[in-house]
């Protein structure tokens, strides 16, 4: 579920400049992405930071949930720095806290213990349908885009060349409630008519497993425990450098919007606007801003999120029963 988080955090480890450059260079070369971060940020003009305000210490603090990608203590430290940055721009004390999974973030927002949360697209769509959560900002990755996709990974020496070759074989996904580690790669087989949209297990695969994470799934392929893994495009970067050439991609999914920051229904518009402006204004070319972006999962920036960004993946989530009203994600801007 958190492969993207893990990759960008790894790429942003202080004191590991050579490793960071190597990983980002490897990712960009492998994906052959023509769009640069600079181009993406030019297309979505970065605003100035909002005027600073006196923090109202008597008002209820603004609570923001941060997902724990690997080390909860590190996330807690990083999120405290983000809270300190945002407070004078929002004019409120900010309480940052760490959740272990996206479901916990949704429940915290449902009970109004969270005003905002960093989540994946599936968690956001479920939260929007169930409790009216609104999308605020999409993350820009090192590819220069606020999107990602999933892949079907196999061993390079397996002789498997296309999804059809997996008939009667085994596959591992990351987690059942996971956009990049289940829904997107599963949809590859549905779109090719190899499995029905209504169920995953059936006549095509011999066995289907949920490995508990992207690294576990792709490593199961490497170790020949399963024949294939359906996980994020970034998953192979979780293998050691000497292992990566042993796996390859035979198919990729449609694009999905990136992970995002969502806010609860009813959060005052001026508060949402100030959070949005303060985070969008972070410039990776400015050292202090770059340090903050590294604490925000190592992303390269943010762009405004709209409900219409999720139109395509909402249809996929509805196909598998995770949401019931894909029409909610219509082609209209969020408030």
C-alpha atoms as a PDB file:
ATOM      1  CA  UNK A   1       0.000   0.000   0.000  1.00  0.00           C
ATOM      2  CA  UNK A   2       2.790   2.444   0.874  1.00  0.00           C
ATOM      3  CA  UNK A   3       5.349   1.625  -1.818  1.00  0.00           C
ATOM      4  CA  UNK A   4       5.140   5.141  -3.206  1.00  0.00           C
ATOM      5  CA  UNK A   5       5.668   6.547   0.285  1.00  0.00           C
ATOM      6  CA  UNK A   6       8.609   4.205   0.881  1.00  0.00           C
ATOM      7  CA  UNK A   7      10.287   5.085  -2.403  1.00  0.00           C
ATOM      8  CA  UNK A   8      10.020   8.820  -1.987  1.00  0.00           C
ATOM      9  CA  UNK A   9      11.093   8.638   1.642  1.00  0.00           C
ATOM     10  CA  UNK A  10      14.112   6.515   0.650  1.00  0.00           C
ATOM     11  CA  UNK A  11      14.949   8.988  -2.084  1.00  0.00           C
ATOM     12  CA  UNK A  12      14.874  11.790   0.466  1.00  0.00           C
ATOM     13  CA  UNK A  13      17.018  10.376   3.270  1.00  0.00           C
ATOM     14  CA  UNK A  14      19.363  13.141   4.518  1.00  0.00           C
ATOM     15  CA  UNK A  15      23.022  12.304   4.020  1.00  0.00           C
ATOM     16  CA  UNK A  16      22.282   9.905   1.156  1.00  0.00           C
ATOM     17  CA  UNK A  17      22.653  12.278  -1.806  1.00  0.00           C
ATOM     18  CA  UNK A  18      24.335   9.775  -4.133  1.00  0.00           C
ATOM     19  CA  UNK A  19      21.755   7.109  -3.320  1.00  0.00           C
ATOM     20  CA  UNK A  20      18.921   9.595  -3.774  1.00  0.00           C
ATOM     21  CA  UNK A  21      20.231  10.732  -7.172  1.00  0.00           C
ATOM     22  CA  UNK A  22      20.775   7.138  -8.233  1.00  0.00           C
ATOM     23  CA  UNK A  23      17.242   6.078  -7.308  1.00  0.00           C
ATOM     24  CA  UNK A  24      15.573   9.055  -8.957  1.00  0.00           C
ATOM     25  CA  UNK A  25      17.736   8.692 -12.065  1.00  0.00           C
ATOM     26  CA  UNK A  26      16.923   4.978 -12.252  1.00  0.00           C
ATOM     27  CA  UNK A  27      13.210   5.633 -11.912  1.00  0.00           C
ATOM     28  CA  UNK A  28      13.139   8.346 -14.567  1.00  0.00           C
ATOM     29  CA  UNK A  29      15.229   6.309 -16.992  1.00  0.00           C
ATOM     30  CA  UNK A  30      13.110   3.207 -16.526  1.00  0.00           C
ATOM     31  CA  UNK A  31       9.795   4.965 -16.948  1.00  0.00           C
ATOM     32  CA  UNK A  32      11.044   7.196 -19.825  1.00  0.00           C
ATOM     33  CA  UNK A  33       8.751   9.975 -18.686  1.00  0.00           C
ATOM     34  CA  UNK A  34       8.917  13.009 -21.010  1.00  0.00           C
ATOM     35  CA  UNK A  35       7.396  15.378 -18.412  1.00  0.00           C
ATOM     36  CA  UNK A  36       9.770  16.977 -15.917  1.00  0.00           C
ATOM     37  CA  UNK A  37       8.948  18.261 -12.459  1.00  0.00           C
ATOM     38  CA  UNK A  38       9.683  21.795 -13.639  1.00  0.00           C
ATOM     39  CA  UNK A  39       7.244  21.378 -16.539  1.00  0.00           C
ATOM     40  CA  UNK A  40       4.541  20.020 -14.233  1.00  0.00           C
ATOM     41  CA  UNK A  41       4.964  22.896 -11.826  1.00  0.00           C
ATOM     42  CA  UNK A  42       4.967  25.428 -14.669  1.00  0.00           C
ATOM     43  CA  UNK A  43       1.706  23.952 -15.960  1.00  0.00           C
ATOM     44  CA  UNK A  44       0.286  24.349 -12.432  1.00  0.00           C
ATOM     45  CA  UNK A  45       1.608  27.757 -11.392  1.00  0.00           C
ATOM     46  CA  UNK A  46       2.913  27.793  -7.842  1.00  0.00           C
ATOM     47  CA  UNK A  47       1.191  30.469  -5.706  1.00  0.00           C
ATOM     48  CA  UNK A  48       2.911  32.760  -3.255  1.00  0.00           C
ATOM     49  CA  UNK A  49       2.706  31.803   0.387  1.00  0.00           C
ATOM     50  CA  UNK A  50      -0.288  33.368   2.146  1.00  0.00           C
ATOM     51  CA  UNK A  51       0.246  36.234   4.604  1.00  0.00           C
ATOM     52  CA  UNK A  52       1.143  35.006   8.063  1.00  0.00           C
ATOM     53  CA  UNK A  53      -1.415  35.409  10.855  1.00  0.00           C
ATOM     54  CA  UNK A  54      -1.403  35.441  14.621  1.00  0.00           C
ATOM     55  CA  UNK A  55      -2.135  31.911  15.792  1.00  0.00           C
ATOM     56  CA  UNK A  56      -5.373  31.761  17.788  1.00  0.00           C
ATOM     57  CA  UNK A  57      -4.336  29.686  20.788  1.00  0.00           C
ATOM     58  CA  UNK A  58      -7.892  29.644  22.142  1.00  0.00           C
ATOM     59  CA  UNK A  59      -9.446  28.060  19.044  1.00  0.00           C
ATOM     60  CA  UNK A  60      -9.812  24.333  18.531  1.00  0.00           C
ATOM     61  CA  UNK A  61      -6.604  22.954  16.965  1.00  0.00           C
ATOM     62  CA  UNK A  62      -6.699  21.751  13.371  1.00  0.00           C
ATOM     63  CA  UNK A  63      -5.977  17.996  13.335  1.00  0.00           C
ATOM     64  CA  UNK A  64      -4.086  16.426  10.408  1.00  0.00           C
ATOM     65  CA  UNK A  65      -3.583  12.658  10.039  1.00  0.00           C
ATOM     66  CA  UNK A  66      -0.346  11.405   8.486  1.00  0.00           C
ATOM     67  CA  UNK A  67      -0.030   7.794   7.334  1.00  0.00           C
ATOM     68  CA  UNK A  68       2.814   5.735   8.768  1.00  0.00           C
ATOM     69  CA  UNK A  69       4.759   4.415   5.764  1.00  0.00           C
ATOM     70  CA  UNK A  70       7.482   2.573   7.706  1.00  0.00           C
ATOM     71  CA  UNK A  71       8.788   4.257  10.850  1.00  0.00           C
ATOM     72  CA  UNK A  72       6.029   5.859  12.982  1.00  0.00           C
ATOM     73  CA  UNK A  73       8.557   7.769  15.093  1.00  0.00           C
ATOM     74  CA  UNK A  74      10.093   9.367  12.006  1.00  0.00           C
ATOM     75  CA  UNK A  75       6.661  10.242  10.611  1.00  0.00           C
ATOM     76  CA  UNK A  76       5.727  11.826  13.942  1.00  0.00           C
ATOM     77  CA  UNK A  77       8.883  13.958  13.877  1.00  0.00           C
ATOM     78  CA  UNK A  78       8.331  14.971  10.267  1.00  0.00           C
ATOM     79  CA  UNK A  79       4.660  15.782  10.757  1.00  0.00           C
ATOM     80  CA  UNK A  80       5.472  18.021  13.726  1.00  0.00           C
ATOM     81  CA  UNK A  81       7.697  20.097  11.444  1.00  0.00           C
ATOM     82  CA  UNK A  82       4.879  20.390   8.894  1.00  0.00           C
ATOM     83  CA  UNK A  83       2.476  21.492  11.616  1.00  0.00           C
ATOM     84  CA  UNK A  84       4.943  24.163  12.760  1.00  0.00           C
ATOM     85  CA  UNK A  85       5.247  25.413   9.161  1.00  0.00           C
ATOM     86  CA  UNK A  86       1.488  25.589   8.578  1.00  0.00           C
ATOM     87  CA  UNK A  87       0.362  27.217  11.839  1.00  0.00           C
ATOM     88  CA  UNK A  88       1.203  30.869  11.032  1.00  0.00           C
ATOM     89  CA  UNK A  89      -0.324  30.560   7.568  1.00  0.00           C
ATOM     90  CA  UNK A  90      -3.546  28.965   8.817  1.00  0.00           C
ATOM     91  CA  UNK A  91      -3.811  30.996  12.020  1.00  0.00           C
ATOM     92  CA  UNK A  92      -4.612  27.929  14.121  1.00  0.00           C
ATOM     93  CA  UNK A  93      -2.673  25.511  16.261  1.00  0.00           C
ATOM     94  CA  UNK A  94      -2.175  22.294  14.331  1.00  0.00           C
ATOM     95  CA  UNK A  95      -2.229  18.850  15.892  1.00  0.00           C
ATOM     96  CA  UNK A  96      -0.407  16.312  13.732  1.00  0.00           C
ATOM     97  CA  UNK A  97      -0.880  12.626  14.470  1.00  0.00           C
ATOM     98  CA  UNK A  98       0.096   9.338  12.842  1.00  0.00           C
ATOM     99  CA  UNK A  99      -2.264   6.570  11.715  1.00  0.00           C
ATOM    100  CA  UNK A 100      -1.253   3.014  10.878  1.00  0.00           C
ATOM    101  CA  UNK A 101      -3.518   2.664   7.837  1.00  0.00           C
ATOM    102  CA  UNK A 102      -5.927   4.579   5.631  1.00  0.00           C
ATOM    103  CA  UNK A 103      -8.992   3.064   7.277  1.00  0.00           C
ATOM    104  CA  UNK A 104      -7.941   4.657  10.559  1.00  0.00           C
ATOM    105  CA  UNK A 105      -7.677   8.016   8.807  1.00  0.00           C
ATOM    106  CA  UNK A 106     -11.217   7.689   7.470  1.00  0.00           C
ATOM    107  CA  UNK A 107     -12.571   6.768  10.892  1.00  0.00           C
ATOM    108  CA  UNK A 108     -10.726   9.682  12.508  1.00  0.00           C
ATOM    109  CA  UNK A 109     -12.333  12.035  10.019  1.00  0.00           C
ATOM    110  CA  UNK A 110     -15.738  10.405  10.486  1.00  0.00           C
ATOM    111  CA  UNK A 111     -15.548  11.133  14.231  1.00  0.00           C
ATOM    112  CA  UNK A 112     -14.156  14.645  13.533  1.00  0.00           C
ATOM    113  CA  UNK A 113     -10.878  13.766  15.213  1.00  0.00           C
ATOM    114  CA  UNK A 114      -9.163  14.609  11.918  1.00  0.00           C
ATOM    115  CA  UNK A 115      -9.801  17.711   9.823  1.00  0.00           C
ATOM    116  CA  UNK A 116      -7.412  16.651   7.071  1.00  0.00           C
ATOM    117  CA  UNK A 117      -5.572  13.461   6.139  1.00  0.00           C
ATOM    118  CA  UNK A 118      -2.975  12.206   3.681  1.00  0.00           C
ATOM    119  CA  UNK A 119      -4.468   9.127   1.969  1.00  0.00           C
ATOM    120  CA  UNK A 120      -4.434   7.079  -1.234  1.00  0.00           C
ATOM    121  CA  UNK A 121      -7.098   7.535  -3.958  1.00  0.00           C
ATOM    122  CA  UNK A 122      -9.199   4.553  -2.851  1.00  0.00           C
ATOM    123  CA  UNK A 123      -9.373   5.737   0.758  1.00  0.00           C
ATOM    124  CA  UNK A 124     -10.341   9.213  -0.430  1.00  0.00           C
ATOM    125  CA  UNK A 125     -13.134   7.941  -2.668  1.00  0.00           C
ATOM    126  CA  UNK A 126     -14.536   5.830   0.154  1.00  0.00           C
ATOM    127  CA  UNK A 127     -14.322   8.822   2.522  1.00  0.00           C
ATOM    128  CA  UNK A 128     -15.977  11.125  -0.023  1.00  0.00           C
ATOM    129  CA  UNK A 129     -18.865   8.734  -0.557  1.00  0.00           C
ATOM    130  CA  UNK A 130     -19.331   7.898   3.118  1.00  0.00           C
ATOM    131  CA  UNK A 131     -18.658  11.187   4.913  1.00  0.00           C
ATOM    132  CA  UNK A 132     -18.339  13.866   2.249  1.00  0.00           C
ATOM    133  CA  UNK A 133     -14.554  14.340   2.456  1.00  0.00           C
ATOM    134  CA  UNK A 134     -13.188  16.726  -0.170  1.00  0.00           C
ATOM    135  CA  UNK A 135      -9.977  16.454  -2.216  1.00  0.00           C
ATOM    136  CA  UNK A 136      -7.542  19.300  -1.650  1.00  0.00           C
ATOM    137  CA  UNK A 137      -4.116  18.555  -3.146  1.00  0.00           C
ATOM    138  CA  UNK A 138      -2.508  15.815  -5.240  1.00  0.00           C
ATOM    139  CA  UNK A 139       1.156  14.968  -4.739  1.00  0.00           C
ATOM    140  CA  UNK A 140       3.650  15.431  -7.590  1.00  0.00           C
ATOM    141  CA  UNK A 141       6.139  12.579  -7.816  1.00  0.00           C
ATOM    142  CA  UNK A 142       9.685  12.436  -9.164  1.00  0.00           C
ATOM    143  CA  UNK A 143       8.215  11.565 -12.552  1.00  0.00           C
ATOM    144  CA  UNK A 144       6.895  15.110 -12.684  1.00  0.00           C
ATOM    145  CA  UNK A 145       3.283  13.958 -12.633  1.00  0.00           C
ATOM    146  CA  UNK A 146       0.518  13.746 -10.001  1.00  0.00           C
ATOM    147  CA  UNK A 147      -0.245  10.197 -11.157  1.00  0.00           C
ATOM    148  CA  UNK A 148       1.045   6.645 -10.872  1.00  0.00           C
ATOM    149  CA  UNK A 149       0.160   3.216 -12.261  1.00  0.00           C
ATOM    150  CA  UNK A 150       0.484  -0.447 -11.375  1.00  0.00           C
ATOM    151  CA  UNK A 151       2.293  -3.289 -13.113  1.00  0.00           C
ATOM    152  CA  UNK A 152       2.230  -7.055 -13.427  1.00  0.00           C
ATOM    153  CA  UNK A 153       5.700  -8.200 -12.399  1.00  0.00           C
ATOM    154  CA  UNK A 154       7.256 -11.595 -13.250  1.00  0.00           C
ATOM    155  CA  UNK A 155      10.718 -13.103 -13.137  1.00  0.00           C
ATOM    156  CA  UNK A 156      12.661 -12.202 -16.262  1.00  0.00           C
ATOM    157  CA  UNK A 157      13.644 -15.852 -16.763  1.00  0.00           C
ATOM    158  CA  UNK A 158      10.114 -17.210 -16.257  1.00  0.00           C
ATOM    159  CA  UNK A 159       9.128 -17.314 -19.924  1.00  0.00           C
ATOM    160  CA  UNK A 160       5.947 -15.380 -19.079  1.00  0.00           C
ATOM    161  CA  UNK A 161       5.493 -12.633 -21.663  1.00  0.00           C
ATOM    162  CA  UNK A 162       1.888 -11.480 -21.345  1.00  0.00           C
ATOM    163  CA  UNK A 163      -1.019 -11.701 -18.880  1.00  0.00           C
ATOM    164  CA  UNK A 164      -2.570 -14.592 -20.828  1.00  0.00           C
ATOM    165  CA  UNK A 165       0.500 -16.682 -19.966  1.00  0.00           C
ATOM    166  CA  UNK A 166      -0.527 -16.607 -16.294  1.00  0.00           C
ATOM    167  CA  UNK A 167      -3.461 -18.981 -16.822  1.00  0.00           C
ATOM    168  CA  UNK A 168      -3.195 -21.753 -14.229  1.00  0.00           C
ATOM    169  CA  UNK A 169      -0.430 -19.922 -12.358  1.00  0.00           C
ATOM    170  CA  UNK A 170      -0.218 -17.995  -9.074  1.00  0.00           C
ATOM    171  CA  UNK A 171      -0.291 -14.264  -8.390  1.00  0.00           C
ATOM    172  CA  UNK A 172       0.220 -12.071  -5.325  1.00  0.00           C
ATOM    173  CA  UNK A 173      -1.304  -8.673  -4.655  1.00  0.00           C
ATOM    174  CA  UNK A 174      -0.414  -6.361  -1.785  1.00  0.00           C
ATOM    175  CA  UNK A 175      -3.685  -5.911   0.089  1.00  0.00           C
ATOM    176  CA  UNK A 176      -7.376  -6.244  -0.649  1.00  0.00           C
ATOM    177  CA  UNK A 177      -8.157  -2.576   0.112  1.00  0.00           C
ATOM    178  CA  UNK A 178      -5.395  -1.079  -2.011  1.00  0.00           C
ATOM    179  CA  UNK A 179      -5.553   0.952  -5.200  1.00  0.00           C
ATOM    180  CA  UNK A 180      -2.070   0.272  -6.574  1.00  0.00           C
ATOM    181  CA  UNK A 181      -1.628  -3.149  -4.964  1.00  0.00           C
ATOM    182  CA  UNK A 182      -4.969  -4.697  -5.932  1.00  0.00           C
ATOM    183  CA  UNK A 183      -7.596  -2.724  -7.851  1.00  0.00           C
ATOM    184  CA  UNK A 184      -5.446  -1.353 -10.672  1.00  0.00           C
ATOM    185  CA  UNK A 185      -3.527  -4.579 -11.445  1.00  0.00           C
ATOM    186  CA  UNK A 186      -6.662  -6.702 -11.070  1.00  0.00           C
ATOM    187  CA  UNK A 187      -8.352  -4.476 -13.640  1.00  0.00           C
ATOM    188  CA  UNK A 188      -5.673  -5.362 -16.192  1.00  0.00           C
ATOM    189  CA  UNK A 189      -6.971  -8.941 -16.282  1.00  0.00           C
ATOM    190  CA  UNK A 190     -10.602  -7.832 -16.333  1.00  0.00           C
ATOM    191  CA  UNK A 191     -10.032  -5.479 -19.270  1.00  0.00           C
ATOM    192  CA  UNK A 192      -8.371  -8.288 -21.238  1.00  0.00           C
ATOM    193  CA  UNK A 193     -11.322 -10.605 -20.563  1.00  0.00           C
ATOM    194  CA  UNK A 194      -9.249 -13.065 -18.555  1.00  0.00           C
ATOM    195  CA  UNK A 195     -11.222 -12.854 -15.307  1.00  0.00           C
ATOM    196  CA  UNK A 196     -14.748 -11.568 -14.553  1.00  0.00           C
ATOM    197  CA  UNK A 197     -15.157  -8.217 -12.877  1.00  0.00           C
ATOM    198  CA  UNK A 198     -17.298  -9.749 -10.141  1.00  0.00           C
ATOM    199  CA  UNK A 199     -14.719 -12.071  -8.611  1.00  0.00           C
ATOM    200  CA  UNK A 200     -10.971 -12.549  -8.488  1.00  0.00           C
ATOM    201  CA  UNK A 201     -10.664 -16.249  -7.792  1.00  0.00           C
ATOM    202  CA  UNK A 202     -11.978 -18.599 -10.439  1.00  0.00           C
ATOM    203  CA  UNK A 203     -10.775 -20.618 -13.391  1.00  0.00           C
ATOM    204  CA  UNK A 204      -7.923 -18.397 -14.569  1.00  0.00           C
ATOM    205  CA  UNK A 205      -5.449 -18.299 -11.654  1.00  0.00           C
ATOM    206  CA  UNK A 206      -4.422 -21.412  -9.783  1.00  0.00           C
ATOM    207  CA  UNK A 207      -4.134 -19.395  -6.566  1.00  0.00           C
ATOM    208  CA  UNK A 208      -4.392 -15.740  -5.533  1.00  0.00           C
ATOM    209  CA  UNK A 209      -2.579 -14.383  -2.488  1.00  0.00           C
ATOM    210  CA  UNK A 210      -2.492 -11.085  -0.585  1.00  0.00           C
ATOM    211  CA  UNK A 211       1.071 -10.662   0.601  1.00  0.00           C
ATOM    212  CA  UNK A 212       0.558  -7.744   2.997  1.00  0.00           C
ATOM    213  CA  UNK A 213       2.617  -5.193   1.056  1.00  0.00           C
ATOM    214  CA  UNK A 214       4.206  -4.374  -2.283  1.00  0.00           C
ATOM    215  CA  UNK A 215       7.689  -5.448  -1.259  1.00  0.00           C
ATOM    216  CA  UNK A 216       6.439  -8.793   0.036  1.00  0.00           C
ATOM    217  CA  UNK A 217       4.538  -9.386  -3.215  1.00  0.00           C
ATOM    218  CA  UNK A 218       7.357  -8.522  -5.616  1.00  0.00           C
ATOM    219  CA  UNK A 219       9.859 -10.431  -3.467  1.00  0.00           C
ATOM    220  CA  UNK A 220       7.579 -13.479  -3.637  1.00  0.00           C
ATOM    221  CA  UNK A 221       8.057 -13.305  -7.417  1.00  0.00           C
ATOM    222  CA  UNK A 222      11.806 -12.924  -7.062  1.00  0.00           C
ATOM    223  CA  UNK A 223      11.964 -15.963  -4.750  1.00  0.00           C
ATOM    224  CA  UNK A 224       9.678 -18.012  -7.047  1.00  0.00           C
ATOM    225  CA  UNK A 225       6.989 -18.374  -4.381  1.00  0.00           C
ATOM    226  CA  UNK A 226       4.442 -17.027  -6.900  1.00  0.00           C
ATOM    227  CA  UNK A 227       4.553 -16.552 -10.645  1.00  0.00           C
ATOM    228  CA  UNK A 228       3.481 -12.900 -10.727  1.00  0.00           C
ATOM    229  CA  UNK A 229       2.726  -9.862  -8.584  1.00  0.00           C
ATOM    230  CA  UNK A 230       0.257  -7.071  -9.229  1.00  0.00           C
ATOM    231  CA  UNK A 231       1.646  -4.001  -7.475  1.00  0.00           C
ATOM    232  CA  UNK A 232       2.883  -0.433  -7.990  1.00  0.00           C
ATOM    233  CA  UNK A 233       5.239   0.726 -10.716  1.00  0.00           C
ATOM    234  CA  UNK A 234       7.738   1.630  -7.979  1.00  0.00           C
ATOM    235  CA  UNK A 235       7.795  -1.807  -6.335  1.00  0.00           C
ATOM    236  CA  UNK A 236      11.008  -3.082  -7.884  1.00  0.00           C
ATOM    237  CA  UNK A 237      12.876  -0.225  -6.198  1.00  0.00           C
ATOM    238  CA  UNK A 238      12.165  -1.968  -2.894  1.00  0.00           C
ATOM    239  CA  UNK A 239      14.446  -4.797  -4.025  1.00  0.00           C
ATOM    240  CA  UNK A 240      18.214  -4.593  -3.671  1.00  0.00           C
ATOM    241  CA  UNK A 241      19.972  -3.127  -6.736  1.00  0.00           C
ATOM    242  CA  UNK A 242      21.445  -6.532  -7.606  1.00  0.00           C
ATOM    243  CA  UNK A 243      17.946  -8.079  -7.581  1.00  0.00           C
ATOM    244  CA  UNK A 244      16.067  -5.599  -9.759  1.00  0.00           C
ATOM    245  CA  UNK A 245      17.185  -6.970 -13.125  1.00  0.00           C
ATOM    246  CA  UNK A 246      15.667 -10.333 -12.212  1.00  0.00           C
ATOM    247  CA  UNK A 247      12.090  -9.025 -12.475  1.00  0.00           C
ATOM    248  CA  UNK A 248      10.296  -7.414 -15.388  1.00  0.00           C
ATOM    249  CA  UNK A 249       6.910  -5.952 -16.330  1.00  0.00           C
ATOM    250  CA  UNK A 250       4.509  -7.699 -18.713  1.00  0.00           C
ATOM    251  CA  UNK A 251       1.580  -5.256 -18.417  1.00  0.00           C
ATOM    252  CA  UNK A 252       0.677  -1.930 -16.833  1.00  0.00           C
ATOM    253  CA  UNK A 253      -2.601  -0.476 -15.631  1.00  0.00           C
ATOM    254  CA  UNK A 254      -4.339   2.773 -16.416  1.00  0.00           C
ATOM    255  CA  UNK A 255      -3.070   5.826 -14.559  1.00  0.00           C
ATOM    256  CA  UNK A 256      -4.447   6.747 -11.165  1.00  0.00           C
ATOM    257  CA  UNK A 257      -4.350  10.098  -9.412  1.00  0.00           C
ATOM    258  CA  UNK A 258      -1.542  10.246  -6.882  1.00  0.00           C
ATOM    259  CA  UNK A 259      -1.870  10.100  -3.122  1.00  0.00           C
ATOM    260  CA  UNK A 260      -3.538  13.230  -1.830  1.00  0.00           C
ATOM    261  CA  UNK A 261      -4.522  15.467   1.037  1.00  0.00           C
ATOM    262  CA  UNK A 262      -8.245  15.373   1.779  1.00  0.00           C
ATOM    263  CA  UNK A 263     -10.232  17.565   4.178  1.00  0.00           C
ATOM    264  CA  UNK A 264     -13.425  16.904   6.083  1.00  0.00           C
ATOM    265  CA  UNK A 265     -16.824  18.133   5.022  1.00  0.00           C
ATOM    266  CA  UNK A 266     -17.607  21.367   6.800  1.00  0.00           C
ATOM    267  CA  UNK A 267     -14.038  22.584   7.247  1.00  0.00           C
ATOM    268  CA  UNK A 268     -14.250  26.358   6.655  1.00  0.00           C
ATOM    269  CA  UNK A 269     -13.336  27.274   3.096  1.00  0.00           C
ATOM    270  CA  UNK A 270     -10.817  29.898   4.206  1.00  0.00           C
ATOM    271  CA  UNK A 271      -8.952  27.305   6.278  1.00  0.00           C
ATOM    272  CA  UNK A 272      -8.827  24.853   3.365  1.00  0.00           C
ATOM    273  CA  UNK A 273      -7.667  27.626   1.052  1.00  0.00           C
ATOM    274  CA  UNK A 274      -4.813  28.637   3.346  1.00  0.00           C
ATOM    275  CA  UNK A 275      -3.621  25.038   3.765  1.00  0.00           C
ATOM    276  CA  UNK A 276      -3.760  24.573   0.002  1.00  0.00           C
ATOM    277  CA  UNK A 277      -1.874  27.784  -0.740  1.00  0.00           C
ATOM    278  CA  UNK A 278       0.802  27.187   1.896  1.00  0.00           C
ATOM    279  CA  UNK A 279       1.566  23.670   0.639  1.00  0.00           C
ATOM    280  CA  UNK A 280       1.367  24.521  -3.055  1.00  0.00           C
ATOM    281  CA  UNK A 281       3.805  27.377  -2.477  1.00  0.00           C
ATOM    282  CA  UNK A 282       6.567  25.008  -1.338  1.00  0.00           C
ATOM    283  CA  UNK A 283       9.358  25.262  -3.911  1.00  0.00           C
ATOM    284  CA  UNK A 284      11.807  22.327  -4.197  1.00  0.00           C
ATOM    285  CA  UNK A 285      14.418  24.778  -5.493  1.00  0.00           C
ATOM    286  CA  UNK A 286      14.390  26.597  -2.129  1.00  0.00           C
ATOM    287  CA  UNK A 287      16.425  24.624   0.465  1.00  0.00           C
ATOM    288  CA  UNK A 288      14.051  25.205   3.400  1.00  0.00           C
ATOM    289  CA  UNK A 289      11.025  24.276   1.279  1.00  0.00           C
ATOM    290  CA  UNK A 290      12.805  21.245  -0.135  1.00  0.00           C
ATOM    291  CA  UNK A 291      13.465  20.024   3.405  1.00  0.00           C
ATOM    292  CA  UNK A 292       9.757  20.297   4.199  1.00  0.00           C
ATOM    293  CA  UNK A 293       8.786  18.455   1.013  1.00  0.00           C
ATOM    294  CA  UNK A 294      11.121  15.636   2.024  1.00  0.00           C
ATOM    295  CA  UNK A 295       9.213  15.419   5.289  1.00  0.00           C
ATOM    296  CA  UNK A 296       5.991  15.284   3.262  1.00  0.00           C
ATOM    297  CA  UNK A 297       6.902  11.824   1.941  1.00  0.00           C
ATOM    298  CA  UNK A 298       9.625  13.188  -0.325  1.00  0.00           C
ATOM    299  CA  UNK A 299       7.231  14.571  -2.935  1.00  0.00           C
ATOM    300  CA  UNK A 300       8.193  17.283  -5.415  1.00  0.00           C
ATOM    301  CA  UNK A 301       5.187  19.493  -4.836  1.00  0.00           C
ATOM    302  CA  UNK A 302       1.409  19.648  -4.947  1.00  0.00           C
ATOM    303  CA  UNK A 303      -1.309  20.501  -7.455  1.00  0.00           C
ATOM    304  CA  UNK A 304      -4.951  21.259  -6.822  1.00  0.00           C
ATOM    305  CA  UNK A 305      -7.157  18.162  -6.702  1.00  0.00           C
ATOM    306  CA  UNK A 306     -10.600  17.994  -8.292  1.00  0.00           C
ATOM    307  CA  UNK A 307     -13.337  15.390  -8.021  1.00  0.00           C
ATOM    308  CA  UNK A 308     -13.100  14.873 -11.773  1.00  0.00           C
ATOM    309  CA  UNK A 309      -9.508  13.650 -11.336  1.00  0.00           C
ATOM    310  CA  UNK A 310     -11.027  10.466  -9.881  1.00  0.00           C
ATOM    311  CA  UNK A 311     -13.661   9.753 -12.535  1.00  0.00           C
ATOM    312  CA  UNK A 312     -11.791   6.837 -14.117  1.00  0.00           C
ATOM    313  CA  UNK A 313     -10.586   5.136 -10.952  1.00  0.00           C
ATOM    314  CA  UNK A 314     -14.020   5.608  -9.363  1.00  0.00           C
ATOM    315  CA  UNK A 315     -15.467   3.322 -12.036  1.00  0.00           C
ATOM    316  CA  UNK A 316     -12.812   0.737 -11.175  1.00  0.00           C
ATOM    317  CA  UNK A 317     -13.493   1.014  -7.432  1.00  0.00           C
ATOM    318  CA  UNK A 318     -17.230   0.649  -8.070  1.00  0.00           C
ATOM    319  CA  UNK A 319     -16.662  -2.425 -10.244  1.00  0.00           C
ATOM    320  CA  UNK A 320     -15.194  -4.228  -7.253  1.00  0.00           C
ATOM    321  CA  UNK A 321     -17.676  -2.935  -4.699  1.00  0.00           C
ATOM    322  CA  UNK A 322     -15.499  -0.454  -2.811  1.00  0.00           C
ATOM    323  CA  UNK A 323     -17.741   2.474  -3.650  1.00  0.00           C
ATOM    324  CA  UNK A 324     -21.378   2.488  -4.756  1.00  0.00           C
ATOM    325  CA  UNK A 325     -21.785   5.872  -6.443  1.00  0.00           C
ATOM    326  CA  UNK A 326     -19.034   6.551  -8.997  1.00  0.00           C
ATOM    327  CA  UNK A 327     -21.213   9.323 -10.388  1.00  0.00           C
ATOM    328  CA  UNK A 328     -20.218  11.412  -7.348  1.00  0.00           C
ATOM    329  CA  UNK A 329     -16.850  11.930  -9.028  1.00  0.00           C
ATOM    330  CA  UNK A 330     -18.273  14.005 -11.829  1.00  0.00           C
ATOM    331  CA  UNK A 331     -16.427  16.398 -14.102  1.00  0.00           C
ATOM    332  CA  UNK A 332     -16.830  19.418 -11.844  1.00  0.00           C
ATOM    333  CA  UNK A 333     -14.360  21.248  -9.582  1.00  0.00           C
ATOM    334  CA  UNK A 334     -14.452  20.672  -5.859  1.00  0.00           C
ATOM    335  CA  UNK A 335     -15.541  23.640  -3.710  1.00  0.00           C
END
